[in-house]
């Protein structure tokens, strides 16, 4: 599967501030970067640093006045379809060290608040079947509503409000999964058919000794998702963090099948 990515970010930054970008597709064994180009209007030289778990990279820049980011890439995905129902949960004591943090609560994924709910609702199934049951519950009880949340909305907020956008769906699924002792991490991603077109947030769950992509919104298939980076929650996977104030003028994300 070939995926073409075209991103334009146009912001105004009135005072000189550091900016941390995370917009480039990650080079991984199941997704190959055929070509890519990143252009940033920065008065200082760009500096690339590794992303979480050495997946992808972040880019330091400096914003002053008009801050414009253009990113284009073509990515080949070679990722077999996986049937979640066939996957088993791993004993927590056997987890690799890098996986263990994804069992724990984080700023936007307060998994400890969901333990009683998960035990009551999903105790009859295990492993991948439990994740599918969670997805089915969310499809019935949580509505996708653009603009219904903010940058401070947590999984608990989404659970109460019964609505959200992709990052809220991802936070809630990750929280439910962690509460069930299945490690889950958030993934910043690109995918076709995301409506409205935007950066996308999905989840990876650790089953049968490896990570598996799951889109809680149902908009993207695992074999069409391009990872940008991973982390505990939205704090780690934000596409742009401005260490100061900024105003958005234009933002366009176009992702198509090649």
C-alpha atoms as a PDB file:
ATOM      1  CA  UNK A   1       0.000   0.000   0.000  1.00  0.00           C
ATOM      2  CA  UNK A   2       1.371   3.408  -1.034  1.00  0.00           C
ATOM      3  CA  UNK A   3       0.298   6.434   0.994  1.00  0.00           C
ATOM      4  CA  UNK A   4       0.948  10.037  -0.104  1.00  0.00           C
ATOM      5  CA  UNK A   5       1.109  12.749   2.550  1.00  0.00           C
ATOM      6  CA  UNK A   6       0.908  16.519   2.034  1.00  0.00           C
ATOM      7  CA  UNK A   7       0.957  18.815   5.087  1.00  0.00           C
ATOM      8  CA  UNK A   8       0.841  22.597   5.386  1.00  0.00           C
ATOM      9  CA  UNK A   9       0.997  24.396   8.722  1.00  0.00           C
ATOM     10  CA  UNK A  10       0.902  28.200   8.712  1.00  0.00           C
ATOM     11  CA  UNK A  11       1.059  29.872  12.125  1.00  0.00           C
ATOM     12  CA  UNK A  12       1.928  33.267  13.530  1.00  0.00           C
ATOM     13  CA  UNK A  13       4.323  33.419  16.478  1.00  0.00           C
ATOM     14  CA  UNK A  14       4.618  37.033  17.691  1.00  0.00           C
ATOM     15  CA  UNK A  15       7.663  36.536  19.911  1.00  0.00           C
ATOM     16  CA  UNK A  16      10.698  34.333  19.510  1.00  0.00           C
ATOM     17  CA  UNK A  17       9.826  30.866  20.862  1.00  0.00           C
ATOM     18  CA  UNK A  18      11.166  27.344  20.554  1.00  0.00           C
ATOM     19  CA  UNK A  19       8.955  24.953  18.606  1.00  0.00           C
ATOM     20  CA  UNK A  20       9.031  21.149  18.737  1.00  0.00           C
ATOM     21  CA  UNK A  21       7.604  19.490  15.628  1.00  0.00           C
ATOM     22  CA  UNK A  22       6.573  15.875  15.171  1.00  0.00           C
ATOM     23  CA  UNK A  23       5.148  15.578  11.657  1.00  0.00           C
ATOM     24  CA  UNK A  24       7.471  13.237   9.747  1.00  0.00           C
ATOM     25  CA  UNK A  25       6.499   9.639   9.055  1.00  0.00           C
ATOM     26  CA  UNK A  26       8.648   7.176  10.979  1.00  0.00           C
ATOM     27  CA  UNK A  27      10.898   4.764   9.106  1.00  0.00           C
ATOM     28  CA  UNK A  28      10.030   1.295  10.421  1.00  0.00           C
ATOM     29  CA  UNK A  29      10.168  -2.297   9.279  1.00  0.00           C
ATOM     30  CA  UNK A  30       6.516  -2.251   8.194  1.00  0.00           C
ATOM     31  CA  UNK A  31       6.525   1.228   6.632  1.00  0.00           C
ATOM     32  CA  UNK A  32       9.221   2.393   4.228  1.00  0.00           C
ATOM     33  CA  UNK A  33       9.812   6.045   3.414  1.00  0.00           C
ATOM     34  CA  UNK A  34      10.090   6.227  -0.371  1.00  0.00           C
ATOM     35  CA  UNK A  35      10.590   9.985  -0.427  1.00  0.00           C
ATOM     36  CA  UNK A  36      10.078  12.875   1.979  1.00  0.00           C
ATOM     37  CA  UNK A  37      10.789  16.566   2.306  1.00  0.00           C
ATOM     38  CA  UNK A  38      10.368  18.899   5.278  1.00  0.00           C
ATOM     39  CA  UNK A  39      10.603  22.684   4.937  1.00  0.00           C
ATOM     40  CA  UNK A  40      10.344  24.983   7.949  1.00  0.00           C
ATOM     41  CA  UNK A  41      10.671  28.772   8.150  1.00  0.00           C
ATOM     42  CA  UNK A  42      13.008  29.034  11.128  1.00  0.00           C
ATOM     43  CA  UNK A  43      15.644  31.685  11.825  1.00  0.00           C
ATOM     44  CA  UNK A  44      17.751  28.981  13.451  1.00  0.00           C
ATOM     45  CA  UNK A  45      19.027  25.713  12.044  1.00  0.00           C
ATOM     46  CA  UNK A  46      16.692  22.775  12.549  1.00  0.00           C
ATOM     47  CA  UNK A  47      17.757  20.053  14.971  1.00  0.00           C
ATOM     48  CA  UNK A  48      16.343  16.524  14.770  1.00  0.00           C
ATOM     49  CA  UNK A  49      16.059  14.294  17.833  1.00  0.00           C
ATOM     50  CA  UNK A  50      14.723  10.770  18.220  1.00  0.00           C
ATOM     51  CA  UNK A  51      11.095  10.238  19.139  1.00  0.00           C
ATOM     52  CA  UNK A  52       9.851   8.132  22.033  1.00  0.00           C
ATOM     53  CA  UNK A  53      11.349   4.622  21.967  1.00  0.00           C
ATOM     54  CA  UNK A  54      13.505   5.793  19.039  1.00  0.00           C
ATOM     55  CA  UNK A  55      10.438   5.673  16.784  1.00  0.00           C
ATOM     56  CA  UNK A  56      10.371   8.553  14.312  1.00  0.00           C
ATOM     57  CA  UNK A  57      11.870  11.894  15.112  1.00  0.00           C
ATOM     58  CA  UNK A  58      11.026  15.289  16.493  1.00  0.00           C
ATOM     59  CA  UNK A  59      12.459  18.489  15.066  1.00  0.00           C
ATOM     60  CA  UNK A  60      13.443  21.559  17.031  1.00  0.00           C
ATOM     61  CA  UNK A  61      12.875  24.900  15.326  1.00  0.00           C
ATOM     62  CA  UNK A  62      12.508  28.542  16.307  1.00  0.00           C
ATOM     63  CA  UNK A  63       9.360  30.504  15.537  1.00  0.00           C
ATOM     64  CA  UNK A  64       9.259  34.267  15.039  1.00  0.00           C
ATOM     65  CA  UNK A  65       6.617  35.959  12.929  1.00  0.00           C
ATOM     66  CA  UNK A  66       5.228  33.704  10.212  1.00  0.00           C
ATOM     67  CA  UNK A  67       5.976  30.075  11.007  1.00  0.00           C
ATOM     68  CA  UNK A  68       5.322  27.840   8.022  1.00  0.00           C
ATOM     69  CA  UNK A  69       5.840  24.078   7.826  1.00  0.00           C
ATOM     70  CA  UNK A  70       5.534  22.074   4.615  1.00  0.00           C
ATOM     71  CA  UNK A  71       5.926  18.312   4.637  1.00  0.00           C
ATOM     72  CA  UNK A  72       5.464  15.903   1.770  1.00  0.00           C
ATOM     73  CA  UNK A  73       6.134  12.186   1.786  1.00  0.00           C
ATOM     74  CA  UNK A  74       5.382   8.944   0.009  1.00  0.00           C
ATOM     75  CA  UNK A  75       5.316   5.866   2.231  1.00  0.00           C
ATOM     76  CA  UNK A  76       5.017   2.190   1.390  1.00  0.00           C
ATOM     77  CA  UNK A  77       3.218   0.101   4.006  1.00  0.00           C
ATOM     78  CA  UNK A  78       3.880  -3.629   4.169  1.00  0.00           C
ATOM     79  CA  UNK A  79       1.815  -4.727   7.143  1.00  0.00           C
ATOM     80  CA  UNK A  80      -0.247  -7.927   7.127  1.00  0.00           C
ATOM     81  CA  UNK A  81      -3.792  -7.856   8.417  1.00  0.00           C
ATOM     82  CA  UNK A  82      -4.073  -9.310  11.897  1.00  0.00           C
ATOM     83  CA  UNK A  83      -7.200 -10.856  13.377  1.00  0.00           C
ATOM     84  CA  UNK A  84      -7.412  -9.521  16.922  1.00  0.00           C
ATOM     85  CA  UNK A  85      -9.598 -12.393  18.095  1.00  0.00           C
ATOM     86  CA  UNK A  86      -6.645 -14.756  17.584  1.00  0.00           C
ATOM     87  CA  UNK A  87      -4.316 -12.797  19.869  1.00  0.00           C
ATOM     88  CA  UNK A  88      -3.708 -13.603  23.522  1.00  0.00           C
ATOM     89  CA  UNK A  89      -2.811 -11.286  26.387  1.00  0.00           C
ATOM     90  CA  UNK A  90       0.663 -11.563  27.900  1.00  0.00           C
ATOM     91  CA  UNK A  91       1.425 -12.133  31.558  1.00  0.00           C
ATOM     92  CA  UNK A  92       2.453  -8.689  32.898  1.00  0.00           C
ATOM     93  CA  UNK A  93       5.505 -10.190  34.612  1.00  0.00           C
ATOM     94  CA  UNK A  94       6.891 -11.228  31.210  1.00  0.00           C
ATOM     95  CA  UNK A  95       6.624  -7.803  29.558  1.00  0.00           C
ATOM     96  CA  UNK A  96       9.749  -6.120  28.122  1.00  0.00           C
ATOM     97  CA  UNK A  97      10.950  -3.122  30.122  1.00  0.00           C
ATOM     98  CA  UNK A  98       9.902  -0.631  27.401  1.00  0.00           C
ATOM     99  CA  UNK A  99       6.352  -1.997  27.415  1.00  0.00           C
ATOM    100  CA  UNK A 100       5.714  -1.814  31.169  1.00  0.00           C
ATOM    101  CA  UNK A 101       5.052   1.992  31.287  1.00  0.00           C
ATOM    102  CA  UNK A 102       2.075   1.459  28.985  1.00  0.00           C
ATOM    103  CA  UNK A 103       0.281  -0.434  31.744  1.00  0.00           C
ATOM    104  CA  UNK A 104       0.318   2.657  33.964  1.00  0.00           C
ATOM    105  CA  UNK A 105      -1.962   5.694  34.181  1.00  0.00           C
ATOM    106  CA  UNK A 106      -0.788   8.888  32.488  1.00  0.00           C
ATOM    107  CA  UNK A 107      -1.934  12.505  32.267  1.00  0.00           C
ATOM    108  CA  UNK A 108      -4.760  11.919  29.772  1.00  0.00           C
ATOM    109  CA  UNK A 109      -5.228   8.178  30.307  1.00  0.00           C
ATOM    110  CA  UNK A 110      -6.374   7.728  33.898  1.00  0.00           C
ATOM    111  CA  UNK A 111      -6.638   3.961  33.578  1.00  0.00           C
ATOM    112  CA  UNK A 112      -6.889   3.457  37.336  1.00  0.00           C
ATOM    113  CA  UNK A 113     -10.313   5.117  37.260  1.00  0.00           C
ATOM    114  CA  UNK A 114     -11.660   2.469  34.886  1.00  0.00           C
ATOM    115  CA  UNK A 115     -10.648  -0.735  36.662  1.00  0.00           C
ATOM    116  CA  UNK A 116     -14.044  -1.450  38.218  1.00  0.00           C
ATOM    117  CA  UNK A 117     -15.869  -0.623  34.984  1.00  0.00           C
ATOM    118  CA  UNK A 118     -13.599  -2.847  32.896  1.00  0.00           C
ATOM    119  CA  UNK A 119     -13.980  -5.745  35.326  1.00  0.00           C
ATOM    120  CA  UNK A 120     -17.765  -5.421  35.252  1.00  0.00           C
ATOM    121  CA  UNK A 121     -18.162  -4.949  31.483  1.00  0.00           C
ATOM    122  CA  UNK A 122     -15.425  -7.060  29.901  1.00  0.00           C
ATOM    123  CA  UNK A 123     -14.442  -9.844  32.314  1.00  0.00           C
ATOM    124  CA  UNK A 124     -15.993 -12.625  30.203  1.00  0.00           C
ATOM    125  CA  UNK A 125     -13.476 -12.238  27.360  1.00  0.00           C
ATOM    126  CA  UNK A 126      -9.698 -11.945  27.185  1.00  0.00           C
ATOM    127  CA  UNK A 127      -6.855 -10.868  24.913  1.00  0.00           C
ATOM    128  CA  UNK A 128      -7.828  -9.530  21.518  1.00  0.00           C
ATOM    129  CA  UNK A 129     -11.481 -10.402  22.109  1.00  0.00           C
ATOM    130  CA  UNK A 130     -11.466  -8.025  25.076  1.00  0.00           C
ATOM    131  CA  UNK A 131     -10.124  -5.189  22.878  1.00  0.00           C
ATOM    132  CA  UNK A 132     -12.835  -5.892  20.302  1.00  0.00           C
ATOM    133  CA  UNK A 133     -15.470  -5.800  23.047  1.00  0.00           C
ATOM    134  CA  UNK A 134     -14.139  -2.411  24.145  1.00  0.00           C
ATOM    135  CA  UNK A 135     -14.296  -1.112  20.560  1.00  0.00           C
ATOM    136  CA  UNK A 136     -17.872  -2.317  20.239  1.00  0.00           C
ATOM    137  CA  UNK A 137     -18.830  -0.638  23.510  1.00  0.00           C
ATOM    138  CA  UNK A 138     -17.266   2.635  22.348  1.00  0.00           C
ATOM    139  CA  UNK A 139     -19.009   2.463  18.966  1.00  0.00           C
ATOM    140  CA  UNK A 140     -22.320   2.217  20.803  1.00  0.00           C
ATOM    141  CA  UNK A 141     -21.719   4.735  23.580  1.00  0.00           C
ATOM    142  CA  UNK A 142     -19.261   7.384  22.301  1.00  0.00           C
ATOM    143  CA  UNK A 143     -20.082   9.760  19.435  1.00  0.00           C
ATOM    144  CA  UNK A 144     -17.448  11.289  17.158  1.00  0.00           C
ATOM    145  CA  UNK A 145     -18.157  15.028  17.244  1.00  0.00           C
ATOM    146  CA  UNK A 146     -15.661  17.505  15.744  1.00  0.00           C
ATOM    147  CA  UNK A 147     -14.763  20.316  18.129  1.00  0.00           C
ATOM    148  CA  UNK A 148     -16.370  18.611  21.113  1.00  0.00           C
ATOM    149  CA  UNK A 149     -13.211  18.497  23.223  1.00  0.00           C
ATOM    150  CA  UNK A 150     -10.152  20.575  24.042  1.00  0.00           C
ATOM    151  CA  UNK A 151      -6.463  20.096  24.688  1.00  0.00           C
ATOM    152  CA  UNK A 152      -7.149  19.293  28.338  1.00  0.00           C
ATOM    153  CA  UNK A 153      -9.880  16.680  27.827  1.00  0.00           C
ATOM    154  CA  UNK A 154      -8.988  13.371  29.461  1.00  0.00           C
ATOM    155  CA  UNK A 155     -10.264   9.839  28.969  1.00  0.00           C
ATOM    156  CA  UNK A 156     -12.436  10.240  32.053  1.00  0.00           C
ATOM    157  CA  UNK A 157     -13.957  13.404  30.588  1.00  0.00           C
ATOM    158  CA  UNK A 158     -14.745  11.608  27.336  1.00  0.00           C
ATOM    159  CA  UNK A 159     -16.313   8.711  29.226  1.00  0.00           C
ATOM    160  CA  UNK A 160     -18.650  11.136  31.031  1.00  0.00           C
ATOM    161  CA  UNK A 161     -19.409  13.403  28.059  1.00  0.00           C
ATOM    162  CA  UNK A 162     -19.922  10.455  25.673  1.00  0.00           C
ATOM    163  CA  UNK A 163     -18.343  12.301  22.742  1.00  0.00           C
ATOM    164  CA  UNK A 164     -14.967  13.335  21.394  1.00  0.00           C
ATOM    165  CA  UNK A 165     -12.519  13.373  18.488  1.00  0.00           C
ATOM    166  CA  UNK A 166      -9.826  10.891  17.519  1.00  0.00           C
ATOM    167  CA  UNK A 167      -7.434  11.701  20.359  1.00  0.00           C
ATOM    168  CA  UNK A 168     -10.284  11.288  22.861  1.00  0.00           C
ATOM    169  CA  UNK A 169     -11.252   7.922  21.384  1.00  0.00           C
ATOM    170  CA  UNK A 170      -7.599   6.863  21.540  1.00  0.00           C
ATOM    171  CA  UNK A 171      -7.192   8.043  25.140  1.00  0.00           C
ATOM    172  CA  UNK A 172     -10.304   6.169  26.215  1.00  0.00           C
ATOM    173  CA  UNK A 173      -9.384   2.920  24.466  1.00  0.00           C
ATOM    174  CA  UNK A 174      -5.849   3.059  25.866  1.00  0.00           C
ATOM    175  CA  UNK A 175      -7.233   3.656  29.352  1.00  0.00           C
ATOM    176  CA  UNK A 176      -9.672   0.755  29.136  1.00  0.00           C
ATOM    177  CA  UNK A 177      -6.945  -1.514  27.803  1.00  0.00           C
ATOM    178  CA  UNK A 178      -4.460  -0.581  30.530  1.00  0.00           C
ATOM    179  CA  UNK A 179      -7.168  -1.088  33.158  1.00  0.00           C
ATOM    180  CA  UNK A 180      -7.486  -4.626  31.792  1.00  0.00           C
ATOM    181  CA  UNK A 181      -3.708  -5.158  32.131  1.00  0.00           C
ATOM    182  CA  UNK A 182      -3.164  -4.998  28.366  1.00  0.00           C
ATOM    183  CA  UNK A 183      -0.420  -2.450  27.553  1.00  0.00           C
ATOM    184  CA  UNK A 184      -1.569   0.320  25.221  1.00  0.00           C
ATOM    185  CA  UNK A 185       0.233   3.308  23.741  1.00  0.00           C
ATOM    186  CA  UNK A 186      -0.963   6.237  21.660  1.00  0.00           C
ATOM    187  CA  UNK A 187       0.201   6.637  18.079  1.00  0.00           C
ATOM    188  CA  UNK A 188       0.299   9.858  16.072  1.00  0.00           C
ATOM    189  CA  UNK A 189      -0.493   8.869  12.520  1.00  0.00           C
ATOM    190  CA  UNK A 190      -1.538   9.689   8.999  1.00  0.00           C
ATOM    191  CA  UNK A 191      -4.329   7.756   7.314  1.00  0.00           C
ATOM    192  CA  UNK A 192      -6.633   8.168   4.321  1.00  0.00           C
ATOM    193  CA  UNK A 193     -10.395   8.551   4.879  1.00  0.00           C
ATOM    194  CA  UNK A 194      -9.955  10.508   8.124  1.00  0.00           C
ATOM    195  CA  UNK A 195     -12.871  12.954   8.277  1.00  0.00           C
ATOM    196  CA  UNK A 196     -12.320  15.845   8.559  1.00  0.00           C
ATOM    197  CA  UNK A 197      -8.763  15.503   7.162  1.00  0.00           C
ATOM    198  CA  UNK A 198      -6.282  16.011   9.986  1.00  0.00           C
ATOM    199  CA  UNK A 199      -3.489  14.409  11.952  1.00  0.00           C
ATOM    200  CA  UNK A 200      -4.872  11.192  13.391  1.00  0.00           C
ATOM    201  CA  UNK A 201      -4.513   9.460  16.755  1.00  0.00           C
ATOM    202  CA  UNK A 202      -4.816   5.693  17.114  1.00  0.00           C
ATOM    203  CA  UNK A 203      -3.720   3.046  19.609  1.00  0.00           C
ATOM    204  CA  UNK A 204      -1.315   0.139  19.643  1.00  0.00           C
ATOM    205  CA  UNK A 205      -2.081  -2.718  22.034  1.00  0.00           C
ATOM    206  CA  UNK A 206       0.473  -5.285  23.155  1.00  0.00           C
ATOM    207  CA  UNK A 207      -0.840  -8.788  22.478  1.00  0.00           C
ATOM    208  CA  UNK A 208       0.982 -12.046  21.772  1.00  0.00           C
ATOM    209  CA  UNK A 209       4.334 -10.343  22.270  1.00  0.00           C
ATOM    210  CA  UNK A 210       4.038  -7.447  19.819  1.00  0.00           C
ATOM    211  CA  UNK A 211       2.256  -4.185  19.114  1.00  0.00           C
ATOM    212  CA  UNK A 212      -0.924  -4.110  17.024  1.00  0.00           C
ATOM    213  CA  UNK A 213      -2.572  -0.989  15.565  1.00  0.00           C
ATOM    214  CA  UNK A 214      -6.212  -0.271  16.397  1.00  0.00           C
ATOM    215  CA  UNK A 215      -8.264   2.771  15.388  1.00  0.00           C
ATOM    216  CA  UNK A 216     -10.978   3.357  17.979  1.00  0.00           C
ATOM    217  CA  UNK A 217     -12.861   5.692  15.608  1.00  0.00           C
ATOM    218  CA  UNK A 218     -13.073   3.018  12.930  1.00  0.00           C
ATOM    219  CA  UNK A 219     -11.967   5.452  10.230  1.00  0.00           C
ATOM    220  CA  UNK A 220      -8.620   3.827   9.399  1.00  0.00           C
ATOM    221  CA  UNK A 221      -7.511   0.267   8.715  1.00  0.00           C
ATOM    222  CA  UNK A 222      -4.286  -0.978  10.296  1.00  0.00           C
ATOM    223  CA  UNK A 223      -2.702  -1.702   6.916  1.00  0.00           C
ATOM    224  CA  UNK A 224      -3.206   1.937   5.828  1.00  0.00           C
ATOM    225  CA  UNK A 225      -1.942   3.744   8.935  1.00  0.00           C
ATOM    226  CA  UNK A 226       1.391   5.580   8.756  1.00  0.00           C
ATOM    227  CA  UNK A 227       2.957   6.040  12.196  1.00  0.00           C
ATOM    228  CA  UNK A 228       4.576   9.365  13.097  1.00  0.00           C
ATOM    229  CA  UNK A 229       5.435   8.660  16.715  1.00  0.00           C
ATOM    230  CA  UNK A 230       4.273   6.885  19.860  1.00  0.00           C
ATOM    231  CA  UNK A 231       3.850   7.742  23.512  1.00  0.00           C
ATOM    232  CA  UNK A 232       1.851   7.479  26.717  1.00  0.00           C
ATOM    233  CA  UNK A 233      -0.803   9.954  25.566  1.00  0.00           C
ATOM    234  CA  UNK A 234      -1.252  13.178  23.577  1.00  0.00           C
ATOM    235  CA  UNK A 235       1.527  14.853  25.560  1.00  0.00           C
ATOM    236  CA  UNK A 236       4.095  12.646  23.808  1.00  0.00           C
ATOM    237  CA  UNK A 237       2.633  12.642  20.299  1.00  0.00           C
ATOM    238  CA  UNK A 238       1.643  16.281  19.682  1.00  0.00           C
ATOM    239  CA  UNK A 239       2.413  17.331  16.095  1.00  0.00           C
ATOM    240  CA  UNK A 240       3.589  20.759  17.250  1.00  0.00           C
ATOM    241  CA  UNK A 241       4.437  22.149  20.664  1.00  0.00           C
ATOM    242  CA  UNK A 242       5.072  25.903  20.831  1.00  0.00           C
ATOM    243  CA  UNK A 243       6.789  27.028  24.019  1.00  0.00           C
ATOM    244  CA  UNK A 244       4.869  30.290  23.958  1.00  0.00           C
ATOM    245  CA  UNK A 245       1.848  31.755  22.168  1.00  0.00           C
ATOM    246  CA  UNK A 246       0.882  31.124  18.535  1.00  0.00           C
ATOM    247  CA  UNK A 247      -2.028  31.787  16.170  1.00  0.00           C
ATOM    248  CA  UNK A 248      -3.107  29.349  13.480  1.00  0.00           C
ATOM    249  CA  UNK A 249      -3.676  30.876  10.039  1.00  0.00           C
ATOM    250  CA  UNK A 250      -3.973  27.724   7.964  1.00  0.00           C
ATOM    251  CA  UNK A 251      -3.621  23.996   8.469  1.00  0.00           C
ATOM    252  CA  UNK A 252      -4.063  21.388   5.759  1.00  0.00           C
ATOM    253  CA  UNK A 253      -3.412  17.658   5.945  1.00  0.00           C
ATOM    254  CA  UNK A 254      -4.066  15.596   2.838  1.00  0.00           C
ATOM    255  CA  UNK A 255      -3.494  11.838   2.917  1.00  0.00           C
ATOM    256  CA  UNK A 256      -4.290   9.753  -0.128  1.00  0.00           C
ATOM    257  CA  UNK A 257      -3.657   6.292  -1.482  1.00  0.00           C
ATOM    258  CA  UNK A 258      -0.929   6.281  -4.139  1.00  0.00           C
END
